[in-house]
C-alpha atoms as a PDB file:
ATOM      1  CA  MET A   1      24.633  26.714  15.443  1.00  0.00           C
ATOM      2  CA  THR A   2      23.056  25.385  12.236  1.00  0.00           C
ATOM      3  CA  SER A   3      23.553  21.667  11.754  1.00  0.00           C
ATOM      4  CA  PRO A   4      26.221  20.932   9.096  1.00  0.00           C
ATOM      5  CA  TYR A   5      23.996  18.083   7.893  1.00  0.00           C
ATOM      6  CA  LEU A   6      21.038  20.256   6.877  1.00  0.00           C
ATOM      7  CA  ILE A   7      20.395  20.465   3.128  1.00  0.00           C
ATOM      8  CA  THR A   8      18.478  23.343   1.546  1.00  0.00           C
ATOM      9  CA  GLU A   9      19.812  23.326  -2.028  1.00  0.00           C
ATOM     10  CA  PRO A  10      20.973  20.706  -4.578  1.00  0.00           C
ATOM     11  CA  THR A  11      23.508  18.536  -2.786  1.00  0.00           C
ATOM     12  CA  GLY A  12      25.322  15.392  -3.796  1.00  0.00           C
ATOM     13  CA  ILE A  13      26.233  12.935  -1.049  1.00  0.00           C
ATOM     14  CA  SER A  14      29.334  10.907  -1.869  1.00  0.00           C
ATOM     15  CA  PHE A  15      29.009   7.409  -0.478  1.00  0.00           C
ATOM     16  CA  SER A  16      32.349   5.586  -0.749  1.00  0.00           C
ATOM     17  CA  GLY A  17      30.935   2.353   0.627  1.00  0.00           C
ATOM     18  CA  GLY A  18      32.776   2.655   3.936  1.00  0.00           C
ATOM     19  CA  ARG A  19      31.613   3.058   7.528  1.00  0.00           C
ATOM     20  CA  THR A  20      32.442   6.768   7.756  1.00  0.00           C
ATOM     21  CA  SER A  21      30.518   7.927   4.690  1.00  0.00           C
ATOM     22  CA  ALA A  22      27.636   5.657   5.696  1.00  0.00           C
ATOM     23  CA  TYR A  23      27.606   7.305   9.124  1.00  0.00           C
ATOM     24  CA  MET A  24      27.528  10.708   7.401  1.00  0.00           C
ATOM     25  CA  LEU A  25      24.505   9.568   5.401  1.00  0.00           C
ATOM     26  CA  TRP A  26      22.767   8.438   8.597  1.00  0.00           C
ATOM     27  CA  LYS A  27      23.461  11.820  10.251  1.00  0.00           C
ATOM     28  CA  ILE A  28      22.006  13.590   7.214  1.00  0.00           C
ATOM     29  CA  LEU A  29      18.906  11.410   7.386  1.00  0.00           C
ATOM     30  CA  GLN A  30      18.480  12.117  11.124  1.00  0.00           C
ATOM     31  CA  ALA A  31      18.807  15.863  10.517  1.00  0.00           C
ATOM     32  CA  HIS A  32      15.821  15.608   8.153  1.00  0.00           C
ATOM     33  CA  GLY A  33      13.529  13.407  10.198  1.00  0.00           C
ATOM     34  CA  GLY A  34      14.763  10.126   8.740  1.00  0.00           C
ATOM     35  CA  LYS A  35      14.059  10.959   5.097  1.00  0.00           C
ATOM     36  CA  LEU A  36      16.431  12.373   2.520  1.00  0.00           C
ATOM     37  CA  PRO A  37      15.309  15.812   1.287  1.00  0.00           C
ATOM     38  CA  ASP A  38      14.321  16.188  -2.363  1.00  0.00           C
ATOM     39  CA  GLU A  39      17.373  18.377  -3.031  1.00  0.00           C
ATOM     40  CA  ALA A  40      19.795  15.575  -2.097  1.00  0.00           C
ATOM     41  CA  VAL A  41      21.126  12.656  -4.164  1.00  0.00           C
ATOM     42  CA  VAL A  42      23.331   9.837  -2.854  1.00  0.00           C
ATOM     43  CA  THR A  43      25.834   8.364  -5.299  1.00  0.00           C
ATOM     44  CA  PHE A  44      28.163   5.368  -5.133  1.00  0.00           C
ATOM     45  CA  ALA A  45      30.830   5.171  -7.862  1.00  0.00           C
ATOM     46  CA  ASN A  46      31.920   1.558  -8.324  1.00  0.00           C
ATOM     47  CA  THR A  47      35.390   0.783  -9.689  1.00  0.00           C
ATOM     48  CA  GLY A  48      34.850  -2.975  -9.814  1.00  0.00           C
ATOM     49  CA  LYS A  49      37.795  -3.474  -7.458  1.00  0.00           C
ATOM     50  CA  GLU A  50      35.880  -3.041  -4.222  1.00  0.00           C
ATOM     51  CA  MET A  51      35.499  -6.062  -1.988  1.00  0.00           C
ATOM     52  CA  PRO A  52      32.114  -7.839  -2.326  1.00  0.00           C
ATOM     53  CA  GLN A  53      31.372  -6.894   1.288  1.00  0.00           C
ATOM     54  CA  THR A  54      31.507  -3.222   0.320  1.00  0.00           C
ATOM     55  CA  LEU A  55      28.837  -3.686  -2.330  1.00  0.00           C
ATOM     56  CA  ASP A  56      26.736  -5.670   0.146  1.00  0.00           C
ATOM     57  CA  PHE A  57      27.064  -2.831   2.659  1.00  0.00           C
ATOM     58  CA  VAL A  58      25.987  -0.138   0.198  1.00  0.00           C
ATOM     59  CA  GLN A  59      22.849  -2.107  -0.595  1.00  0.00           C
ATOM     60  CA  ALA A  60      22.223  -2.850   3.088  1.00  0.00           C
ATOM     61  CA  CYS A  61      22.276   0.879   3.912  1.00  0.00           C
ATOM     62  CA  SER A  62      19.765   1.492   1.151  1.00  0.00           C
ATOM     63  CA  ASP A  63      17.494  -1.305   2.351  1.00  0.00           C
ATOM     64  CA  HIS A  64      17.682  -0.637   6.102  1.00  0.00           C
ATOM     65  CA  TRP A  65      17.322   3.141   5.847  1.00  0.00           C
ATOM     66  CA  GLY A  66      14.940   3.337   2.895  1.00  0.00           C
ATOM     67  CA  VAL A  67      17.173   5.637   0.882  1.00  0.00           C
ATOM     68  CA  ASP A  68      17.837   5.520  -2.856  1.00  0.00           C
ATOM     69  CA  ILE A  69      21.525   5.239  -3.791  1.00  0.00           C
ATOM     70  CA  VAL A  70      22.540   5.821  -7.404  1.00  0.00           C
ATOM     71  CA  TRP A  71      25.210   3.348  -8.552  1.00  0.00           C
ATOM     72  CA  LEU A  72      27.572   4.671 -11.224  1.00  0.00           C
ATOM     73  CA  GLU A  73      30.386   3.111 -13.236  1.00  0.00           C
ATOM     74  CA  LEU A  74      32.775   4.054 -16.007  1.00  0.00           C
ATOM     75  CA  LYS A  75      31.664   1.891 -18.949  1.00  0.00           C
ATOM     76  CA  THR A  76      34.118   2.721 -21.718  1.00  0.00           C
ATOM     77  CA  MET A  77      36.888   5.220 -22.270  1.00  0.00           C
ATOM     78  CA  ARG A  78      38.777   6.172 -25.416  1.00  0.00           C
ATOM     79  CA  LYS A  79      41.231   8.781 -26.600  1.00  0.00           C
ATOM     80  CA  GLU A  80      39.912  11.506 -28.880  1.00  0.00           C
ATOM     81  CA  GLU A  81      42.346  13.475 -30.999  1.00  0.00           C
ATOM     82  CA  LYS A  82      41.477  17.126 -31.382  1.00  0.00           C
ATOM     83  CA  GLU A  83      43.297  19.248 -33.903  1.00  0.00           C
ATOM     84  CA  GLY A  84      45.533  21.798 -32.235  1.00  0.00           C
ATOM     85  CA  LYS A  85      44.678  20.489 -28.794  1.00  0.00           C
ATOM     86  CA  ARG A  86      45.950  17.838 -26.462  1.00  0.00           C
ATOM     87  CA  ASN A  87      44.272  14.468 -26.772  1.00  0.00           C
ATOM     88  CA  VAL A  88      41.366  14.052 -24.407  1.00  0.00           C
ATOM     89  CA  LEU A  89      39.824  10.963 -22.861  1.00  0.00           C
ATOM     90  CA  HIS A  90      36.180  10.542 -23.787  1.00  0.00           C
ATOM     91  CA  LYS A  91      34.250   8.714 -21.085  1.00  0.00           C
ATOM     92  CA  ILE A  92      30.931   6.898 -21.200  1.00  0.00           C
ATOM     93  CA  ILE A  93      29.346   6.467 -17.771  1.00  0.00           C
ATOM     94  CA  LYS A  94      26.519   4.103 -16.962  1.00  0.00           C
ATOM     95  CA  ILE A  95      23.949   3.845 -14.207  1.00  0.00           C
ATOM     96  CA  THR A  96      23.812   0.409 -12.641  1.00  0.00           C
ATOM     97  CA  ASP A  97      22.639  -1.279  -9.430  1.00  0.00           C
ATOM     98  CA  TYR A  98      23.700  -3.821  -6.832  1.00  0.00           C
ATOM     99  CA  LYS A  99      22.747  -6.843  -8.908  1.00  0.00           C
ATOM    100  CA  ASN A 100      24.457  -5.691 -12.105  1.00  0.00           C
ATOM    101  CA  ALA A 101      27.449  -3.852 -10.648  1.00  0.00           C
ATOM    102  CA  SER A 102      30.875  -4.835 -11.973  1.00  0.00           C
ATOM    103  CA  ARG A 103      32.829  -7.124  -9.671  1.00  0.00           C
ATOM    104  CA  LYS A 104      35.909  -8.016 -11.715  1.00  0.00           C
ATOM    105  CA  GLY A 105      37.543  -4.619 -12.165  1.00  0.00           C
ATOM    106  CA  GLU A 106      35.838  -3.807 -15.482  1.00  0.00           C
ATOM    107  CA  PRO A 107      35.497  -0.018 -14.911  1.00  0.00           C
ATOM    108  CA  PHE A 108      39.091   0.216 -13.689  1.00  0.00           C
ATOM    109  CA  ASP A 109      40.248  -1.807 -16.710  1.00  0.00           C
ATOM    110  CA  ALA A 110      38.370   0.521 -19.072  1.00  0.00           C
ATOM    111  CA  PHE A 111      40.298   3.446 -17.625  1.00  0.00           C
ATOM    112  CA  ILE A 112      43.672   1.640 -17.559  1.00  0.00           C
ATOM    113  CA  ASN A 113      43.344   0.506 -21.186  1.00  0.00           C
ATOM    114  CA  ALA A 114      42.725   4.051 -22.440  1.00  0.00           C
ATOM    115  CA  ALA A 115      45.157   5.955 -20.222  1.00  0.00           C
ATOM    116  CA  SER A 116      48.776   6.417 -21.254  1.00  0.00           C
ATOM    117  CA  ALA A 117      49.970   6.092 -17.660  1.00  0.00           C
ATOM    118  CA  ILE A 118      48.628   4.086 -14.763  1.00  0.00           C
ATOM    119  CA  PRO A 119      47.819   5.906 -11.501  1.00  0.00           C
ATOM    120  CA  ASN A 120      50.530   6.484  -8.943  1.00  0.00           C
ATOM    121  CA  ALA A 121      50.998   8.279  -5.630  1.00  0.00           C
ATOM    122  CA  VAL A 122      51.404  11.655  -7.376  1.00  0.00           C
ATOM    123  CA  GLN A 123      48.990  11.324 -10.302  1.00  0.00           C
ATOM    124  CA  ARG A 124      45.873   9.859  -8.695  1.00  0.00           C
ATOM    125  CA  SER A 125      44.033   9.742 -11.990  1.00  0.00           C
ATOM    126  CA  CYS A 126      41.894   6.764 -10.968  1.00  0.00           C
ATOM    127  CA  THR A 127      40.073   8.819  -8.345  1.00  0.00           C
ATOM    128  CA  GLY A 128      39.149  11.516 -10.846  1.00  0.00           C
ATOM    129  CA  ASN A 129      38.092   9.229 -13.671  1.00  0.00           C
ATOM    130  CA  LEU A 130      36.408   6.459 -11.679  1.00  0.00           C
ATOM    131  CA  LYS A 131      34.896   8.389  -8.766  1.00  0.00           C
ATOM    132  CA  ILE A 132      34.666  12.151  -9.264  1.00  0.00           C
ATOM    133  CA  ARG A 133      33.845  12.358 -12.995  1.00  0.00           C
ATOM    134  CA  PRO A 134      30.992   9.815 -12.938  1.00  0.00           C
ATOM    135  CA  ILE A 135      29.358  11.723 -10.086  1.00  0.00           C
ATOM    136  CA  GLN A 136      29.801  15.034 -11.916  1.00  0.00           C
ATOM    137  CA  TRP A 137      28.347  13.516 -15.077  1.00  0.00           C
ATOM    138  CA  TYR A 138      25.259  12.232 -13.296  1.00  0.00           C
ATOM    139  CA  LEU A 139      24.478  15.360 -11.303  1.00  0.00           C
ATOM    140  CA  GLY A 140      25.410  17.819 -14.056  1.00  0.00           C
ATOM    141  CA  LYS A 141      24.413  16.060 -17.272  1.00  0.00           C
ATOM    142  CA  VAL A 142      21.654  13.674 -16.213  1.00  0.00           C
ATOM    143  CA  LEU A 143      19.977  15.743 -13.494  1.00  0.00           C
ATOM    144  CA  GLY A 144      20.926  19.077 -15.055  1.00  0.00           C
ATOM    145  CA  TRP A 145      22.236  20.689 -11.890  1.00  0.00           C
ATOM    146  CA  GLU A 146      24.024  23.986 -12.378  1.00  0.00           C
ATOM    147  CA  SER A 147      27.477  24.290 -10.894  1.00  0.00           C
ATOM    148  CA  PRO A 148      28.666  24.787  -8.324  1.00  0.00           C
ATOM    149  CA  TRP A 149      26.403  22.453  -6.378  1.00  0.00           C
ATOM    150  CA  ASN A 150      27.168  21.192  -2.885  1.00  0.00           C
ATOM    151  CA  GLN A 151      28.957  17.873  -2.528  1.00  0.00           C
ATOM    152  CA  MET A 152      29.132  16.277   0.928  1.00  0.00           C
ATOM    153  CA  ILE A 153      32.159  14.061   1.525  1.00  0.00           C
ATOM    154  CA  GLY A 154      32.727  11.745   4.495  1.00  0.00           C
ATOM    155  CA  ILE A 155      35.903  13.070   6.099  1.00  0.00           C
ATOM    156  CA  ARG A 156      35.952  13.076   9.891  1.00  0.00           C
ATOM    157  CA  GLY A 157      37.012  15.600  12.486  1.00  0.00           C
ATOM    158  CA  ASP A 158      40.136  13.553  13.275  1.00  0.00           C
ATOM    159  CA  GLU A 159      41.236  13.784   9.624  1.00  0.00           C
ATOM    160  CA  LYS A 160      42.067  17.485   9.721  1.00  0.00           C
ATOM    161  CA  ARG A 161      44.922  17.344   7.211  1.00  0.00           C
ATOM    162  CA  ARG A 162      42.570  15.907   4.598  1.00  0.00           C
ATOM    163  CA  ALA A 163      39.603  18.038   5.543  1.00  0.00           C
ATOM    164  CA  VAL A 164      41.293  21.443   5.353  1.00  0.00           C
ATOM    165  CA  LYS A 165      42.324  20.712   1.758  1.00  0.00           C
ATOM    166  CA  ILE A 166      38.787  19.850   0.714  1.00  0.00           C
ATOM    167  CA  HIS A 167      36.174  21.547   2.910  1.00  0.00           C
ATOM    168  CA  ASN A 168      34.654  24.678   1.342  1.00  0.00           C
ATOM    169  CA  THR A 169      36.670  24.357  -1.877  1.00  0.00           C
ATOM    170  CA  ILE A 170      35.232  24.220  -5.382  1.00  0.00           C
ATOM    171  CA  ASP A 171      36.450  21.524  -7.764  1.00  0.00           C
ATOM    172  CA  GLY A 172      34.892  20.520 -11.061  1.00  0.00           C
ATOM    173  CA  GLY A 173      31.573  22.209 -10.367  1.00  0.00           C
ATOM    174  CA  GLN A 174      31.356  20.919  -6.806  1.00  0.00           C
ATOM    175  CA  ASP A 175      31.429  23.029  -3.651  1.00  0.00           C
ATOM    176  CA  ARG A 176      32.908  20.356  -1.406  1.00  0.00           C
ATOM    177  CA  LEU A 177      31.705  20.132   2.187  1.00  0.00           C
ATOM    178  CA  CYS A 178      32.830  17.862   5.041  1.00  0.00           C
ATOM    179  CA  PRO A 179      30.034  17.901   7.641  1.00  0.00           C
ATOM    180  CA  LEU A 180      31.651  15.231   9.851  1.00  0.00           C
ATOM    181  CA  TYR A 181      34.764  17.397  10.073  1.00  0.00           C
ATOM    182  CA  ILE A 182      32.701  20.437  11.120  1.00  0.00           C
ATOM    183  CA  ASP A 183      30.867  18.269  13.648  1.00  0.00           C
ATOM    184  CA  GLY A 184      34.154  16.962  15.106  1.00  0.00           C
ATOM    185  CA  VAL A 185      33.211  13.304  14.578  1.00  0.00           C
ATOM    186  CA  THR A 186      36.016  10.821  15.316  1.00  0.00           C
ATOM    187  CA  LYS A 187      36.682   7.272  14.171  1.00  0.00           C
ATOM    188  CA  GLU A 188      35.828   6.099  17.698  1.00  0.00           C
ATOM    189  CA  GLU A 189      32.346   7.590  17.376  1.00  0.00           C
ATOM    190  CA  VAL A 190      31.881   5.953  13.993  1.00  0.00           C
ATOM    191  CA  GLY A 191      33.050   2.608  15.374  1.00  0.00           C
ATOM    192  CA  ALA A 192      30.729   2.818  18.378  1.00  0.00           C
ATOM    193  CA  PHE A 193      27.793   3.656  16.120  1.00  0.00           C
ATOM    194  CA  TRP A 194      28.270   0.579  13.964  1.00  0.00           C
ATOM    195  CA  LYS A 195      28.690  -1.725  16.940  1.00  0.00           C
ATOM    196  CA  ALA A 196      25.180  -0.729  17.983  1.00  0.00           C
ATOM    197  CA  GLN A 197      23.556  -1.293  14.579  1.00  0.00           C
ATOM    198  CA  PRO A 198      21.767  -4.435  13.354  1.00  0.00           C
ATOM    199  CA  PHE A 199      24.074  -4.565  10.302  1.00  0.00           C
ATOM    200  CA  ASP A 200      27.632  -3.515   9.494  1.00  0.00           C
ATOM    201  CA  LEU A 201      30.321  -3.572   6.841  1.00  0.00           C
ATOM    202  CA  GLU A 202      31.610  -7.144   7.029  1.00  0.00           C
ATOM    203  CA  LEU A 203      35.272  -6.162   6.732  1.00  0.00           C
ATOM    204  CA  PRO A 204      37.819  -5.991   9.603  1.00  0.00           C
ATOM    205  CA  ASN A 205      37.850  -2.795  11.648  1.00  0.00           C
ATOM    206  CA  ASN A 206      41.483  -1.929  12.469  1.00  0.00           C
ATOM    207  CA  ASN A 207      41.237   0.725  15.209  1.00  0.00           C
ATOM    208  CA  GLY A 208      38.591   2.577  13.239  1.00  0.00           C
ATOM    209  CA  VAL A 209      40.224   2.038   9.835  1.00  0.00           C
ATOM    210  CA  THR A 210      38.973  -0.430   7.237  1.00  0.00           C
ATOM    211  CA  ASP A 211      42.177  -1.665   5.602  1.00  0.00           C
ATOM    212  CA  TRP A 212      40.213  -3.778   3.133  1.00  0.00           C
ATOM    213  CA  GLY A 213      37.931  -0.895   2.126  1.00  0.00           C
ATOM    214  CA  ASN A 214      37.815   0.942  -1.214  1.00  0.00           C
ATOM    215  CA  CYS A 215      39.817  -0.809  -3.964  1.00  0.00           C
ATOM    216  CA  ASP A 216      41.146  -4.023  -2.431  1.00  0.00           C
ATOM    217  CA  LEU A 217      44.888  -3.372  -2.970  1.00  0.00           C
ATOM    218  CA  CYS A 218      44.828   0.343  -3.772  1.00  0.00           C
ATOM    219  CA  HIS A 219      48.376   1.618  -4.313  1.00  0.00           C
ATOM    220  CA  LEU A 220      47.706   4.447  -1.856  1.00  0.00           C
ATOM    221  CA  LYS A 221      47.325   2.002   1.013  1.00  0.00           C
ATOM    222  CA  GLY A 222      50.464   1.509   3.086  1.00  0.00           C
ATOM    223  CA  LYS A 223      52.705  -1.295   1.861  1.00  0.00           C
ATOM    224  CA  SER A 224      52.228  -3.131   5.153  1.00  0.00           C
ATOM    225  CA  LYS A 225      48.444  -3.118   4.681  1.00  0.00           C
ATOM    226  CA  ARG A 226      48.741  -4.410   1.125  1.00  0.00           C
ATOM    227  CA  MET A 227      51.187  -7.122   2.155  1.00  0.00           C
ATOM    228  CA  SER A 228      48.899  -8.261   4.966  1.00  0.00           C
ATOM    229  CA  ILE A 229      45.931  -8.444   2.602  1.00  0.00           C
ATOM    230  CA  ILE A 230      47.946 -10.384   0.023  1.00  0.00           C
ATOM    231  CA  ARG A 231      49.059 -12.819   2.720  1.00  0.00           C
ATOM    232  CA  GLU A 232      45.399 -13.633   3.425  1.00  0.00           C
ATOM    233  CA  ARG A 233      44.141 -13.360  -0.163  1.00  0.00           C
ATOM    234  CA  PRO A 234      47.011 -13.862  -2.660  1.00  0.00           C
ATOM    235  CA  ASP A 235      44.537 -13.960  -5.555  1.00  0.00           C
ATOM    236  CA  LEU A 236      43.696 -10.278  -5.064  1.00  0.00           C
ATOM    237  CA  ALA A 237      47.203  -9.337  -6.227  1.00  0.00           C
ATOM    238  CA  ASP A 238      46.752 -10.917  -9.659  1.00  0.00           C
ATOM    239  CA  TRP A 239      44.781  -8.040 -11.227  1.00  0.00           C
ATOM    240  CA  TRP A 240      47.359  -5.483 -10.059  1.00  0.00           C
ATOM    241  CA  ILE A 241      50.244  -7.671 -11.253  1.00  0.00           C
ATOM    242  CA  ASP A 242      48.587  -8.020 -14.670  1.00  0.00           C
ATOM    243  CA  VAL A 243      48.166  -4.251 -15.045  1.00  0.00           C
ATOM    244  CA  GLU A 244      51.804  -3.543 -14.173  1.00  0.00           C
ATOM    245  CA  LYS A 245      53.009  -6.171 -16.649  1.00  0.00           C
ATOM    246  CA  ARG A 246      50.600  -5.131 -19.395  1.00  0.00           C
ATOM    247  CA  LYS A 247      51.387  -1.413 -19.149  1.00  0.00           C
ATOM    248  CA  LYS A 248      55.080  -1.943 -18.279  1.00  0.00           C
ATOM    249  CA  GLN A 249      54.634   0.590 -15.474  1.00  0.00           C
ATOM    250  CA  PHE A 250      54.340   0.468 -11.693  1.00  0.00           C
ATOM    251  CA  PHE A 251      51.637   1.859  -9.427  1.00  0.00           C
ATOM    252  CA  ARG A 252      54.366   2.722  -6.911  1.00  0.00           C
ATOM    253  CA  PRO A 253      57.728   3.245  -8.694  1.00  0.00           C
ATOM    254  CA  ASP A 254      59.230   4.090  -5.295  1.00  0.00           C
ATOM    255  CA  GLU A 255      58.387   0.640  -3.920  1.00  0.00           C
ATOM    256  CA  MET A 256      58.436  -2.998  -4.968  1.00  0.00           C
ATOM    257  CA  SER A 257      56.073  -4.290  -7.632  1.00  0.00           C
ATOM    258  CA  TYR A 258      52.879  -6.174  -6.816  1.00  0.00           C
ATOM    259  CA  GLN A 259      54.559  -9.322  -8.124  1.00  0.00           C
ATOM    260  CA  GLN A 260      57.384  -8.884  -5.618  1.00  0.00           C
ATOM    261  CA  MET A 261      54.927  -8.177  -2.814  1.00  0.00           C
ATOM    262  CA  LYS A 262      53.006 -11.351  -3.617  1.00  0.00           C
ATOM    263  CA  VAL A 263      56.173 -13.437  -3.577  1.00  0.00           C
ATOM    264  CA  ILE A 264      57.270 -12.059  -0.211  1.00  0.00           C
ATOM    265  CA  ALA A 265      53.801 -12.157   1.363  1.00  0.00           C
ATOM    266  CA  THR A 266      53.084 -15.738   0.310  1.00  0.00           C
ATOM    267  CA  ASP A 267      56.554 -17.252   0.676  1.00  0.00           C
ATOM    268  CA  GLN A 268      57.753 -15.441   3.769  1.00  0.00           C
ATOM    269  CA  GLY A 269      54.658 -13.705   5.130  1.00  0.00           C
ATOM    270  CA  ASN A 270      54.206 -15.955   8.137  1.00  0.00           C
ATOM    271  CA  LEU A 271      57.749 -15.308   9.348  1.00  0.00           C
ATOM    272  CA  PHE A 272      57.353 -11.663  10.327  1.00  0.00           C
ATOM    273  CA  ASP A 273      55.056  -8.707  10.887  1.00  0.00           C
ATOM    274  CA  PHE A 274      54.872  -6.249   7.994  1.00  0.00           C
ATOM    275  CA  GLY A 275      54.788  -3.194  10.277  1.00  0.00           C
ATOM    276  CA  ASP A 276      52.385  -0.277   9.968  1.00  0.00           C
ATOM    277  CA  ASP A 277      53.529   2.323   7.427  1.00  0.00           C
ATOM    278  CA  PRO A 278      50.977   5.072   6.695  1.00  0.00           C
ATOM    279  CA  SER A 279      48.572   5.115   3.786  1.00  0.00           C
ATOM    280  CA  ILE A 280      48.165   8.087   1.440  1.00  0.00           C
ATOM    281  CA  PRO A 281      44.708   9.655   1.681  1.00  0.00           C
ATOM    282  CA  CYS A 282      42.599  10.399  -1.391  1.00  0.00           C
ATOM    283  CA  PHE A 283      39.058  11.457  -2.295  1.00  0.00           C
ATOM    284  CA  CYS A 284      37.714   7.898  -2.088  1.00  0.00           C
ATOM    285  CA  GLY A 285      37.285   8.216   1.683  1.00  0.00           C
ATOM    286  CA  ASP A 286      36.162   5.504   4.094  1.00  0.00           C
END
């Protein structure tokens, strides 16, 4: 059987900054003798709300494996009125790097300030505008790739419900592929791999899941995970609280606000366990 990691045509490799997508990148490198083929480009779309350890890890993978990773960010966003048509959001994307990457939520703020509604569990507009669109812009507009090009996404074999919705589907000019899913890779395999490496993502590994990964208090993470993070780092809630107050909307209208979560986590957090409710998966990956 042909390796699902082999690349023979223009292919984007989505690196979320987590252990799973990094493992996918390593498998791709191994399938090509340790060097990325010319037809492949690795991208990392930074929202500015990732933990510093995530940014460190992205750069460490680049340094240890000798692979170029293109860092992308939403720079500005504004509404454009078009006669006879619905208003559209005009986005300006920028190419950046580890040293100059945003670390205070600037790309996310640019999106929030222009959007009429903040993201929620149903309308996951942050993923599209902060992750997917910057990658599409770079590969399509900057590199001039013709759609549909292949886009490899780090979703494992034990994430079947996510994988079947994405693998071999075309979205926004991308033919999305999940090689780890085809290969049957599990979170245990990913965890064992990183335990054997000279470097790792310096964030807690919770049975193969990085609760602190992606945006620090992403509204798609289970409430218990967000409460636990707030208990340890109350300051991380402040950006999310500010957005909800400023926009007079809630990231999760079906749950308590971030302000309420901060109060409970900091005032009463040591009195009980927050449980383990499930998170909602999205494109961002691990």
